Amino acid sequence: MTAYFFGDTAVLTGRTLRHVTRSMDTIITTVITPVAMMLMFVYVFGGAIDTGSVSYVNYMLPGILLMTIASGISYTAYRLFTDVKSGIFERFQSMPIARSGVLWAHVFTSLVANL
């Protein structure tokens, strides 16, 4: 089964990407929200805090990146939970596919959605 790991993961990543593109709330929370937060904190609240000669973006960017990563992790966990509860994992276990392919597919989808 390990010989087909990459192929199985690619097919399952396509499945998960189709789920993401059909869900508008997922697109909003994983793509638009970090961009909107960055714009809001830099351009709306950016002048409220005096950072001296250093740009305010240098202070905000690490926080926004951490929130984006946390959002991606929580979304991945939620999608895995949904798959387990719907019974699709039992179907996958009855098929000759790599067991870790499902997890890696969700992880790759989360990375693609947050880039």
PDB file of N, CA and C in Angstrom:
ATOM      1  N   MET A   1       0.802  -1.194   0.000  1.00  0.00           N
ATOM      2  CA  MET A   1       0.000   0.000   0.000  1.00  0.00           C
ATOM      3  C   MET A   1       0.845   1.258   0.000  1.00  0.00           C
ATOM      4  N   THR A   2       2.049   1.184   0.535  1.00  0.00           N
ATOM      5  CA  THR A   2       2.876   2.379   0.586  1.00  0.00           C
ATOM      6  C   THR A   2       3.353   2.805  -0.795  1.00  0.00           C
ATOM      7  N   ALA A   3       3.332   1.894  -1.745  1.00  0.00           N
ATOM      8  CA  ALA A   3       3.760   2.243  -3.101  1.00  0.00           C
ATOM      9  C   ALA A   3       2.795   3.219  -3.752  1.00  0.00           C
ATOM     10  N   TYR A   4       1.553   3.215  -3.327  1.00  0.00           N
ATOM     11  CA  TYR A   4       0.541   4.083  -3.923  1.00  0.00           C
ATOM     12  C   TYR A   4       0.193   5.277  -3.037  1.00  0.00           C
ATOM     13  N   PHE A   5       1.031   5.562  -2.063  1.00  0.00           N
ATOM     14  CA  PHE A   5       0.752   6.625  -1.112  1.00  0.00           C
ATOM     15  C   PHE A   5       0.532   7.969  -1.796  1.00  0.00           C
ATOM     16  N   PHE A   6       1.418   8.338  -2.704  1.00  0.00           N
ATOM     17  CA  PHE A   6       1.321   9.652  -3.349  1.00  0.00           C
ATOM     18  C   PHE A   6       0.094   9.756  -4.244  1.00  0.00           C
ATOM     19  N   GLY A   7      -0.201   8.709  -4.963  1.00  0.00           N
ATOM     20  CA  GLY A   7      -1.401   8.712  -5.803  1.00  0.00           C
ATOM     21  C   GLY A   7      -2.678   8.782  -4.987  1.00  0.00           C
ATOM     22  N   ASP A   8      -2.723   8.003  -3.908  1.00  0.00           N
ATOM     23  CA  ASP A   8      -3.895   8.026  -3.025  1.00  0.00           C
ATOM     24  C   ASP A   8      -4.072   9.396  -2.384  1.00  0.00           C
ATOM     25  N   THR A   9      -2.966   9.974  -1.936  1.00  0.00           N
ATOM     26  CA  THR A   9      -3.029  11.286  -1.309  1.00  0.00           C
ATOM     27  C   THR A   9      -3.481  12.335  -2.315  1.00  0.00           C
ATOM     28  N   ALA A  10      -3.017  12.244  -3.554  1.00  0.00           N
ATOM     29  CA  ALA A  10      -3.428  13.210  -4.578  1.00  0.00           C
ATOM     30  C   ALA A  10      -4.928  13.118  -4.863  1.00  0.00           C
ATOM     31  N   VAL A  11      -5.428  11.900  -4.969  1.00  0.00           N
ATOM     32  CA  VAL A  11      -6.863  11.724  -5.228  1.00  0.00           C
ATOM     33  C   VAL A  11      -7.690  12.248  -4.056  1.00  0.00           C
ATOM     34  N   LEU A  12      -7.277  11.940  -2.837  1.00  0.00           N
ATOM     35  CA  LEU A  12      -8.014  12.394  -1.667  1.00  0.00           C
ATOM     36  C   LEU A  12      -7.879  13.907  -1.461  1.00  0.00           C
ATOM     37  N   THR A  13      -6.750  14.489  -1.870  1.00  0.00           N
ATOM     38  CA  THR A  13      -6.601  15.947  -1.822  1.00  0.00           C
ATOM     39  C   THR A  13      -7.572  16.597  -2.785  1.00  0.00           C
ATOM     40  N   GLY A  14      -7.739  16.028  -3.959  1.00  0.00           N
ATOM     41  CA  GLY A  14      -8.730  16.544  -4.911  1.00  0.00           C
ATOM     42  C   GLY A  14     -10.129  16.477  -4.346  1.00  0.00           C
ATOM     43  N   ARG A  15     -10.431  15.405  -3.637  1.00  0.00           N
ATOM     44  CA  ARG A  15     -11.750  15.273  -2.991  1.00  0.00           C
ATOM     45  C   ARG A  15     -11.961  16.375  -1.969  1.00  0.00           C
ATOM     46  N   THR A  16     -10.962  16.601  -1.137  1.00  0.00           N
ATOM     47  CA  THR A  16     -11.086  17.612  -0.098  1.00  0.00           C
ATOM     48  C   THR A  16     -11.130  19.023  -0.696  1.00  0.00           C
ATOM     49  N   LEU A  17     -10.371  19.265  -1.755  1.00  0.00           N
ATOM     50  CA  LEU A  17     -10.412  20.582  -2.410  1.00  0.00           C
ATOM     51  C   LEU A  17     -11.784  20.852  -3.025  1.00  0.00           C
ATOM     52  N   ARG A  18     -12.428  19.822  -3.548  1.00  0.00           N
ATOM     53  CA  ARG A  18     -13.786  20.015  -4.067  1.00  0.00           C
ATOM     54  C   ARG A  18     -14.743  20.407  -2.948  1.00  0.00           C
ATOM     55  N   HIS A  19     -14.563  19.814  -1.767  1.00  0.00           N
ATOM     56  CA  HIS A  19     -15.395  20.187  -0.624  1.00  0.00           C
ATOM     57  C   HIS A  19     -15.156  21.648  -0.236  1.00  0.00           C
ATOM     58  N   VAL A  20     -13.909  22.066  -0.266  1.00  0.00           N
ATOM     59  CA  VAL A  20     -13.572  23.440   0.120  1.00  0.00           C
ATOM     60  C   VAL A  20     -14.150  24.441  -0.875  1.00  0.00           C
ATOM     61  N   THR A  21     -14.000  24.167  -2.159  1.00  0.00           N
ATOM     62  CA  THR A  21     -14.467  25.135  -3.154  1.00  0.00           C
ATOM     63  C   THR A  21     -15.984  25.221  -3.215  1.00  0.00           C
ATOM     64  N   ARG A  22     -16.677  24.239  -2.704  1.00  0.00           N
ATOM     65  CA  ARG A  22     -18.140  24.284  -2.688  1.00  0.00           C
ATOM     66  C   ARG A  22     -18.690  24.935  -1.428  1.00  0.00           C
ATOM     67  N   SER A  23     -17.840  25.292  -0.501  1.00  0.00           N
ATOM     68  CA  SER A  23     -18.272  25.857   0.771  1.00  0.00           C
ATOM     69  C   SER A  23     -17.801  27.308   0.872  1.00  0.00           C
ATOM     70  N   MET A  24     -18.712  28.253   0.729  1.00  0.00           N
ATOM     71  CA  MET A  24     -18.346  29.668   0.758  1.00  0.00           C
ATOM     72  C   MET A  24     -17.844  30.100   2.131  1.00  0.00           C
ATOM     73  N   ASP A  25     -18.394  29.566   3.210  1.00  0.00           N
ATOM     74  CA  ASP A  25     -17.923  29.955   4.537  1.00  0.00           C
ATOM     75  C   ASP A  25     -16.483  29.509   4.783  1.00  0.00           C
ATOM     76  N   THR A  26     -16.087  28.396   4.190  1.00  0.00           N
ATOM     77  CA  THR A  26     -14.704  27.943   4.314  1.00  0.00           C
ATOM     78  C   THR A  26     -13.767  28.889   3.591  1.00  0.00           C
ATOM     79  N   ILE A  27     -14.143  29.321   2.408  1.00  0.00           N
ATOM     80  CA  ILE A  27     -13.312  30.251   1.656  1.00  0.00           C
ATOM     81  C   ILE A  27     -13.180  31.567   2.410  1.00  0.00           C
ATOM     82  N   ILE A  28     -14.265  32.027   3.005  1.00  0.00           N
ATOM     83  CA  ILE A  28     -14.220  33.284   3.753  1.00  0.00           C
ATOM     84  C   ILE A  28     -13.314  33.164   4.969  1.00  0.00           C
ATOM     85  N   THR A  29     -13.454  32.076   5.729  1.00  0.00           N
ATOM     86  CA  THR A  29     -12.678  31.961   6.960  1.00  0.00           C
ATOM     87  C   THR A  29     -11.206  31.650   6.723  1.00  0.00           C
ATOM     88  N   THR A  30     -10.876  30.952   5.661  1.00  0.00           N
ATOM     89  CA  THR A  30      -9.478  30.585   5.464  1.00  0.00           C
ATOM     90  C   THR A  30      -8.703  31.527   4.561  1.00  0.00           C
ATOM     91  N   VAL A  31      -9.388  32.265   3.706  1.00  0.00           N
ATOM     92  CA  VAL A  31      -8.677  33.125   2.760  1.00  0.00           C
ATOM     93  C   VAL A  31      -8.928  34.603   3.029  1.00  0.00           C
ATOM     94  N   ILE A  32     -10.180  34.985   3.110  1.00  0.00           N
ATOM     95  CA  ILE A  32     -10.513  36.405   3.169  1.00  0.00           C
ATOM     96  C   ILE A  32     -10.284  36.993   4.563  1.00  0.00           C
ATOM     97  N   THR A  33     -10.576  36.246   5.619  1.00  0.00           N
ATOM     98  CA  THR A  33     -10.449  36.777   6.978  1.00  0.00           C
ATOM     99  C   THR A  33      -9.025  37.207   7.334  1.00  0.00           C
ATOM    100  N   PRO A  34      -7.982  36.411   7.076  1.00  0.00           N
ATOM    101  CA  PRO A  34      -6.633  36.894   7.405  1.00  0.00           C
ATOM    102  C   PRO A  34      -6.243  38.154   6.623  1.00  0.00           C
ATOM    103  N   VAL A  35      -6.648  38.236   5.369  1.00  0.00           N
ATOM    104  CA  VAL A  35      -6.335  39.428   4.575  1.00  0.00           C
ATOM    105  C   VAL A  35      -7.077  40.638   5.131  1.00  0.00           C
ATOM    106  N   ALA A  36      -8.350  40.458   5.467  1.00  0.00           N
ATOM    107  CA  ALA A  36      -9.135  41.564   6.020  1.00  0.00           C
ATOM    108  C   ALA A  36      -8.587  42.002   7.374  1.00  0.00           C
ATOM    109  N   MET A  37      -8.172  41.062   8.205  1.00  0.00           N
ATOM    110  CA  MET A  37      -7.603  41.424   9.502  1.00  0.00           C
ATOM    111  C   MET A  37      -6.303  42.182   9.345  1.00  0.00           C
ATOM    112  N   MET A  38      -5.483  41.757   8.411  1.00  0.00           N
ATOM    113  CA  MET A  38      -4.212  42.449   8.174  1.00  0.00           C
ATOM    114  C   MET A  38      -4.466  43.879   7.711  1.00  0.00           C
ATOM    115  N   LEU A  39      -5.371  44.039   6.769  1.00  0.00           N
ATOM    116  CA  LEU A  39      -5.683  45.385   6.283  1.00  0.00           C
ATOM    117  C   LEU A  39      -6.281  46.245   7.387  1.00  0.00           C
ATOM    118  N   MET A  40      -7.180  45.671   8.177  1.00  0.00           N
ATOM    119  CA  MET A  40      -7.831  46.430   9.241  1.00  0.00           C
ATOM    120  C   MET A  40      -6.822  46.865  10.304  1.00  0.00           C
ATOM    121  N   PHE A  41      -5.992  45.936  10.771  1.00  0.00           N
ATOM    122  CA  PHE A  41      -5.069  46.286  11.840  1.00  0.00           C
ATOM    123  C   PHE A  41      -3.964  47.234  11.376  1.00  0.00           C
ATOM    124  N   VAL A  42      -3.548  47.140  10.137  1.00  0.00           N
ATOM    125  CA  VAL A  42      -2.476  48.006   9.662  1.00  0.00           C
ATOM    126  C   VAL A  42      -3.008  49.385   9.286  1.00  0.00           C
ATOM    127  N   TYR A  43      -4.097  49.439   8.520  1.00  0.00           N
ATOM    128  CA  TYR A  43      -4.551  50.730   8.012  1.00  0.00           C
ATOM    129  C   TYR A  43      -5.554  51.428   8.923  1.00  0.00           C
ATOM    130  N   VAL A  44      -6.337  50.698   9.700  1.00  0.00           N
ATOM    131  CA  VAL A  44      -7.309  51.336  10.585  1.00  0.00           C
ATOM    132  C   VAL A  44      -6.690  51.618  11.949  1.00  0.00           C
ATOM    133  N   PHE A  45      -6.051  50.602  12.551  1.00  0.00           N
ATOM    134  CA  PHE A  45      -5.478  50.765  13.881  1.00  0.00           C
ATOM    135  C   PHE A  45      -3.979  51.047  13.863  1.00  0.00           C
ATOM    136  N   GLY A  46      -3.371  51.083  12.714  1.00  0.00           N
ATOM    137  CA  GLY A  46      -1.924  51.232  12.609  1.00  0.00           C
ATOM    138  C   GLY A  46      -1.391  52.534  13.161  1.00  0.00           C
ATOM    139  N   GLY A  47      -2.144  53.614  13.020  1.00  0.00           N
ATOM    140  CA  GLY A  47      -1.678  54.896  13.528  1.00  0.00           C
ATOM    141  C   GLY A  47      -1.923  55.088  15.012  1.00  0.00           C
ATOM    142  N   ALA A  48      -2.648  54.195  15.650  1.00  0.00           N
ATOM    143  CA  ALA A  48      -2.995  54.356  17.065  1.00  0.00           C
ATOM    144  C   ALA A  48      -1.852  53.968  17.994  1.00  0.00           C
ATOM    145  N   ILE A  49      -0.933  53.158  17.538  1.00  0.00           N
ATOM    146  CA  ILE A  49       0.164  52.695  18.373  1.00  0.00           C
ATOM    147  C   ILE A  49       1.469  53.235  17.821  1.00  0.00           C
ATOM    148  N   ASP A  50       2.239  53.875  18.688  1.00  0.00           N
ATOM    149  CA  ASP A  50       3.518  54.428  18.272  1.00  0.00           C
ATOM    150  C   ASP A  50       4.587  53.340  18.387  1.00  0.00           C
ATOM    151  N   THR A  51       5.169  52.974  17.273  1.00  0.00           N
ATOM    152  CA  THR A  51       6.204  51.941  17.269  1.00  0.00           C
ATOM    153  C   THR A  51       7.589  52.516  17.022  1.00  0.00           C
ATOM    154  N   GLY A  52       7.691  53.808  17.038  1.00  0.00           N
ATOM    155  CA  GLY A  52       8.984  54.441  16.804  1.00  0.00           C
ATOM    156  C   GLY A  52       9.321  54.434  15.325  1.00  0.00           C
ATOM    157  N   SER A  53      10.530  54.078  15.016  1.00  0.00           N
ATOM    158  CA  SER A  53      10.960  54.081  13.614  1.00  0.00           C
ATOM    159  C   SER A  53      10.647  52.774  12.893  1.00  0.00           C
ATOM    160  N   VAL A  54      10.214  51.763  13.654  1.00  0.00           N
ATOM    161  CA  VAL A  54       9.909  50.460  13.071  1.00  0.00           C
ATOM    162  C   VAL A  54       8.481  50.478  12.525  1.00  0.00           C
ATOM    163  N   SER A  55       8.277  49.860  11.377  1.00  0.00           N
ATOM    164  CA  SER A  55       6.952  49.793  10.768  1.00  0.00           C
ATOM    165  C   SER A  55       6.013  48.954  11.628  1.00  0.00           C
ATOM    166  N   TYR A  56       4.758  49.374  11.703  1.00  0.00           N
ATOM    167  CA  TYR A  56       3.754  48.664  12.483  1.00  0.00           C
ATOM    168  C   TYR A  56       3.469  47.280  11.906  1.00  0.00           C
ATOM    169  N   VAL A  57       3.683  47.107  10.625  1.00  0.00           N
ATOM    170  CA  VAL A  57       3.465  45.812   9.974  1.00  0.00           C
ATOM    171  C   VAL A  57       4.388  44.752  10.574  1.00  0.00           C
ATOM    172  N   ASN A  58       5.578  45.141  10.952  1.00  0.00           N
ATOM    173  CA  ASN A  58       6.516  44.187  11.551  1.00  0.00           C
ATOM    174  C   ASN A  58       6.007  43.636  12.875  1.00  0.00           C
ATOM    175  N   TYR A  59       5.169  44.389  13.569  1.00  0.00           N
ATOM    176  CA  TYR A  59       4.573  43.910  14.811  1.00  0.00           C
ATOM    177  C   TYR A  59       3.328  43.069  14.548  1.00  0.00           C
ATOM    178  N   MET A  60       2.575  43.407  13.543  1.00  0.00           N
ATOM    179  CA  MET A  60       1.297  42.750  13.287  1.00  0.00           C
ATOM    180  C   MET A  60       1.425  41.433  12.516  1.00  0.00           C
ATOM    181  N   LEU A  61       2.353  41.364  11.597  1.00  0.00           N
ATOM    182  CA  LEU A  61       2.455  40.199  10.717  1.00  0.00           C
ATOM    183  C   LEU A  61       2.625  38.875  11.462  1.00  0.00           C
ATOM    184  N   PRO A  62       3.492  38.768  12.475  1.00  0.00           N
ATOM    185  CA  PRO A  62       3.591  37.474  13.177  1.00  0.00           C
ATOM    186  C   PRO A  62       2.284  37.054  13.843  1.00  0.00           C
ATOM    187  N   GLY A  63       1.565  37.989  14.423  1.00  0.00           N
ATOM    188  CA  GLY A  63       0.288  37.657  15.051  1.00  0.00           C
ATOM    189  C   GLY A  63      -0.749  37.191  14.046  1.00  0.00           C
ATOM    190  N   ILE A  64      -0.830  37.873  12.929  1.00  0.00           N
ATOM    191  CA  ILE A  64      -1.778  37.487  11.882  1.00  0.00           C
ATOM    192  C   ILE A  64      -1.409  36.115  11.322  1.00  0.00           C
ATOM    193  N   LEU A  65      -0.124  35.859  11.133  1.00  0.00           N
ATOM    194  CA  LEU A  65       0.309  34.547  10.631  1.00  0.00           C
ATOM    195  C   LEU A  65      -0.037  33.433  11.620  1.00  0.00           C
ATOM    196  N   LEU A  66       0.157  33.687  12.917  1.00  0.00           N
ATOM    197  CA  LEU A  66      -0.192  32.673  13.914  1.00  0.00           C
ATOM    198  C   LEU A  66      -1.693  32.406  13.933  1.00  0.00           C
ATOM    199  N   MET A  67      -2.504  33.452  13.803  1.00  0.00           N
ATOM    200  CA  MET A  67      -3.953  33.247  13.774  1.00  0.00           C
ATOM    201  C   MET A  67      -4.371  32.499  12.510  1.00  0.00           C
ATOM    202  N   THR A  68      -3.700  32.753  11.405  1.00  0.00           N
ATOM    203  CA  THR A  68      -4.000  32.044  10.158  1.00  0.00           C
ATOM    204  C   THR A  68      -3.630  30.569  10.273  1.00  0.00           C
ATOM    205  N   ILE A  69      -2.484  30.286  10.863  1.00  0.00           N
ATOM    206  CA  ILE A  69      -2.067  28.900  11.060  1.00  0.00           C
ATOM    207  C   ILE A  69      -3.033  28.182  12.005  1.00  0.00           C
ATOM    208  N   ALA A  70      -3.419  28.841  13.091  1.00  0.00           N
ATOM    209  CA  ALA A  70      -4.371  28.235  14.029  1.00  0.00           C
ATOM    210  C   ALA A  70      -5.718  27.978  13.355  1.00  0.00           C
ATOM    211  N   SER A  71      -6.141  28.885  12.505  1.00  0.00           N
ATOM    212  CA  SER A  71      -7.392  28.698  11.769  1.00  0.00           C
ATOM    213  C   SER A  71      -7.287  27.495  10.831  1.00  0.00           C
ATOM    214  N   GLY A  72      -6.158  27.363  10.151  1.00  0.00           N
ATOM    215  CA  GLY A  72      -5.959  26.216   9.261  1.00  0.00           C
ATOM    216  C   GLY A  72      -5.937  24.899  10.011  1.00  0.00           C
ATOM    217  N   ILE A  73      -5.298  24.885  11.179  1.00  0.00           N
ATOM    218  CA  ILE A  73      -5.259  23.658  11.983  1.00  0.00           C
ATOM    219  C   ILE A  73      -6.650  23.293  12.475  1.00  0.00           C
ATOM    220  N   SER A  74      -7.387  24.286  12.939  1.00  0.00           N
ATOM    221  CA  SER A  74      -8.726  23.978  13.449  1.00  0.00           C
ATOM    222  C   SER A  74      -9.658  23.543  12.325  1.00  0.00           C
ATOM    223  N   TYR A  75      -9.502  24.129  11.140  1.00  0.00           N
ATOM    224  CA  TYR A  75     -10.331  23.709  10.018  1.00  0.00           C
ATOM    225  C   TYR A  75      -9.994  22.273   9.608  1.00  0.00           C
ATOM    226  N   THR A  76      -8.717  21.935   9.601  1.00  0.00           N
ATOM    227  CA  THR A  76      -8.314  20.574   9.263  1.00  0.00           C
ATOM    228  C   THR A  76      -8.880  19.579  10.272  1.00  0.00           C
ATOM    229  N   ALA A  77      -8.805  19.912  11.543  1.00  0.00           N
ATOM    230  CA  ALA A  77      -9.359  19.027  12.578  1.00  0.00           C
ATOM    231  C   ALA A  77     -10.868  18.885  12.417  1.00  0.00           C
ATOM    232  N   TYR A  78     -11.533  19.969  12.092  1.00  0.00           N
ATOM    233  CA  TYR A  78     -12.982  19.908  11.909  1.00  0.00           C
ATOM    234  C   TYR A  78     -13.356  19.032  10.715  1.00  0.00           C
ATOM    235  N   ARG A  79     -12.648  19.161   9.608  1.00  0.00           N
ATOM    236  CA  ARG A  79     -12.935  18.339   8.429  1.00  0.00           C
ATOM    237  C   ARG A  79     -12.663  16.860   8.719  1.00  0.00           C
ATOM    238  N   LEU A  80     -11.600  16.554   9.441  1.00  0.00           N
ATOM    239  CA  LEU A  80     -11.338  15.166   9.818  1.00  0.00           C
ATOM    240  C   LEU A  80     -12.443  14.633  10.724  1.00  0.00           C
ATOM    241  N   PHE A  81     -12.880  15.448  11.672  1.00  0.00           N
ATOM    242  CA  PHE A  81     -13.976  15.049  12.552  1.00  0.00           C
ATOM    243  C   PHE A  81     -15.247  14.785  11.747  1.00  0.00           C
ATOM    244  N   THR A  82     -15.534  15.651  10.794  1.00  0.00           N
ATOM    245  CA  THR A  82     -16.715  15.479   9.956  1.00  0.00           C
ATOM    246  C   THR A  82     -16.632  14.191   9.147  1.00  0.00           C
ATOM    247  N   ASP A  83     -15.451  13.886   8.615  1.00  0.00           N
ATOM    248  CA  ASP A  83     -15.279  12.646   7.860  1.00  0.00           C
ATOM    249  C   ASP A  83     -15.458  11.417   8.753  1.00  0.00           C
ATOM    250  N   VAL A  84     -14.940  11.484   9.968  1.00  0.00           N
ATOM    251  CA  VAL A  84     -15.086  10.350  10.884  1.00  0.00           C
ATOM    252  C   VAL A  84     -16.561  10.149  11.235  1.00  0.00           C
ATOM    253  N   LYS A  85     -17.257  11.225  11.542  1.00  0.00           N
ATOM    254  CA  LYS A  85     -18.660  11.125  11.934  1.00  0.00           C
ATOM    255  C   LYS A  85     -19.565  10.695  10.778  1.00  0.00           C
ATOM    256  N   SER A  86     -19.209  11.048   9.558  1.00  0.00           N
ATOM    257  CA  SER A  86     -20.060  10.688   8.419  1.00  0.00           C
ATOM    258  C   SER A  86     -19.883   9.235   7.990  1.00  0.00           C
ATOM    259  N   GLY A  87     -18.834   8.580   8.479  1.00  0.00           N
ATOM    260  CA  GLY A  87     -18.627   7.183   8.150  1.00  0.00           C
ATOM    261  C   GLY A  87     -17.741   6.941   6.939  1.00  0.00           C
ATOM    262  N   ILE A  88     -17.178   8.008   6.375  1.00  0.00           N
ATOM    263  CA  ILE A  88     -16.344   7.834   5.181  1.00  0.00           C
ATOM    264  C   ILE A  88     -15.030   7.136   5.536  1.00  0.00           C
ATOM    265  N   PHE A  89     -14.564   7.270   6.775  1.00  0.00           N
ATOM    266  CA  PHE A  89     -13.337   6.580   7.176  1.00  0.00           C
ATOM    267  C   PHE A  89     -13.510   5.070   7.119  1.00  0.00           C
ATOM    268  N   GLU A  90     -14.661   4.581   7.510  1.00  0.00           N
ATOM    269  CA  GLU A  90     -14.899   3.147   7.436  1.00  0.00           C
ATOM    270  C   GLU A  90     -14.881   2.672   5.987  1.00  0.00           C
ATOM    271  N   ARG A  91     -15.402   3.479   5.102  1.00  0.00           N
ATOM    272  CA  ARG A  91     -15.340   3.116   3.675  1.00  0.00           C
ATOM    273  C   ARG A  91     -13.907   3.093   3.186  1.00  0.00           C
ATOM    274  N   PHE A  92     -13.128   4.094   3.585  1.00  0.00           N
ATOM    275  CA  PHE A  92     -11.732   4.141   3.164  1.00  0.00           C
ATOM    276  C   PHE A  92     -10.942   2.952   3.718  1.00  0.00           C
ATOM    277  N   GLN A  93     -11.271   2.495   4.935  1.00  0.00           N
ATOM    278  CA  GLN A  93     -10.557   1.363   5.516  1.00  0.00           C
ATOM    279  C   GLN A  93     -10.855   0.062   4.785  1.00  0.00           C
ATOM    280  N   SER A  94     -12.010   0.006   4.113  1.00  0.00           N
ATOM    281  CA  SER A  94     -12.337  -1.202   3.360  1.00  0.00           C
ATOM    282  C   SER A  94     -11.723  -1.180   1.963  1.00  0.00           C
ATOM    283  N   MET A  95     -11.102  -0.066   1.602  1.00  0.00           N
ATOM    284  CA  MET A  95     -10.491   0.068   0.278  1.00  0.00           C
ATOM    285  C   MET A  95      -8.976  -0.094   0.396  1.00  0.00           C
ATOM    286  N   PRO A  96      -8.321  -0.521  -0.669  1.00  0.00           N
ATOM    287  CA  PRO A  96      -6.865  -0.692  -0.606  1.00  0.00           C
ATOM    288  C   PRO A  96      -6.134   0.633  -0.844  1.00  0.00           C
ATOM    289  N   ILE A  97      -6.262   1.560   0.099  1.00  0.00           N
ATOM    290  CA  ILE A  97      -5.564   2.838  -0.010  1.00  0.00           C
ATOM    291  C   ILE A  97      -4.677   3.021   1.212  1.00  0.00           C
ATOM    292  N   ALA A  98      -3.726   3.941   1.093  1.00  0.00           N
ATOM    293  CA  ALA A  98      -2.837   4.244   2.211  1.00  0.00           C
ATOM    294  C   ALA A  98      -3.642   4.897   3.329  1.00  0.00           C
ATOM    295  N   ARG A  99      -3.508   4.398   4.534  1.00  0.00           N
ATOM    296  CA  ARG A  99      -4.298   4.903   5.667  1.00  0.00           C
ATOM    297  C   ARG A  99      -3.977   6.362   5.973  1.00  0.00           C
ATOM    298  N   SER A 100      -2.716   6.731   5.863  1.00  0.00           N
ATOM    299  CA  SER A 100      -2.335   8.102   6.192  1.00  0.00           C
ATOM    300  C   SER A 100      -2.652   9.079   5.064  1.00  0.00           C
ATOM    301  N   GLY A 101      -3.074   8.578   3.919  1.00  0.00           N
ATOM    302  CA  GLY A 101      -3.398   9.451   2.794  1.00  0.00           C
ATOM    303  C   GLY A 101      -4.533  10.407   3.089  1.00  0.00           C
ATOM    304  N   VAL A 102      -5.488   9.972   3.899  1.00  0.00           N
ATOM    305  CA  VAL A 102      -6.627  10.830   4.246  1.00  0.00           C
ATOM    306  C   VAL A 102      -6.146  12.010   5.077  1.00  0.00           C
ATOM    307  N   LEU A 103      -5.317  11.747   6.070  1.00  0.00           N
ATOM    308  CA  LEU A 103      -4.796  12.822   6.915  1.00  0.00           C
ATOM    309  C   LEU A 103      -3.952  13.789   6.094  1.00  0.00           C
ATOM    310  N   TRP A 104      -3.045  13.261   5.279  1.00  0.00           N
ATOM    311  CA  TRP A 104      -2.180  14.126   4.484  1.00  0.00           C
ATOM    312  C   TRP A 104      -2.982  14.929   3.462  1.00  0.00           C
ATOM    313  N   ALA A 105      -4.042  14.372   2.960  1.00  0.00           N
ATOM    314  CA  ALA A 105      -4.894  15.113   2.024  1.00  0.00           C
ATOM    315  C   ALA A 105      -5.513  16.327   2.701  1.00  0.00           C
ATOM    316  N   HIS A 106      -5.979  16.158   3.920  1.00  0.00           N
ATOM    317  CA  HIS A 106      -6.550  17.294   4.657  1.00  0.00           C
ATOM    318  C   HIS A 106      -5.477  18.329   4.988  1.00  0.00           C
ATOM    319  N   VAL A 107      -4.284  17.873   5.346  1.00  0.00           N
ATOM    320  CA  VAL A 107      -3.193  18.796   5.662  1.00  0.00           C
ATOM    321  C   VAL A 107      -2.793  19.588   4.418  1.00  0.00           C
ATOM    322  N   PHE A 108      -2.640  18.912   3.282  1.00  0.00           N
ATOM    323  CA  PHE A 108      -2.269  19.613   2.049  1.00  0.00           C
ATOM    324  C   PHE A 108      -3.351  20.599   1.631  1.00  0.00           C
ATOM    325  N   THR A 109      -4.602  20.229   1.798  1.00  0.00           N
ATOM    326  CA  THR A 109      -5.693  21.134   1.458  1.00  0.00           C
ATOM    327  C   THR A 109      -5.652  22.367   2.347  1.00  0.00           C
ATOM    328  N   SER A 110      -5.356  22.181   3.622  1.00  0.00           N
ATOM    329  CA  SER A 110      -5.263  23.319   4.520  1.00  0.00           C
ATOM    330  C   SER A 110      -4.117  24.237   4.119  1.00  0.00           C
ATOM    331  N   LEU A 111      -3.003  23.660   3.715  1.00  0.00           N
ATOM    332  CA  LEU A 111      -1.871  24.472   3.268  1.00  0.00           C
ATOM    333  C   LEU A 111      -2.209  25.246   1.991  1.00  0.00           C
ATOM    334  N   VAL A 112      -2.877  24.576   1.063  1.00  0.00           N
ATOM    335  CA  VAL A 112      -3.252  25.227  -0.199  1.00  0.00           C
ATOM    336  C   VAL A 112      -4.265  26.340   0.048  1.00  0.00           C
ATOM    337  N   ALA A 113      -5.216  26.092   0.928  1.00  0.00           N
ATOM    338  CA  ALA A 113      -6.256  27.094   1.200  1.00  0.00           C
ATOM    339  C   ALA A 113      -5.702  28.314   1.901  1.00  0.00           C
ATOM    340  N   ASN A 114      -4.628  28.143   2.683  1.00  0.00           N
ATOM    341  CA  ASN A 114      -4.079  29.284   3.416  1.00  0.00           C
ATOM    342  C   ASN A 114      -2.965  29.986   2.660  1.00  0.00           C
ATOM    343  N   LEU A 115      -2.587  29.507   1.520  1.00  0.00           N
ATOM    344  CA  LEU A 115      -1.529  30.194   0.772  1.00  0.00           C
ATOM    345  C   LEU A 115      -2.066  31.275  -0.077  1.00  0.00           C
TER     346      LEU A 115
END
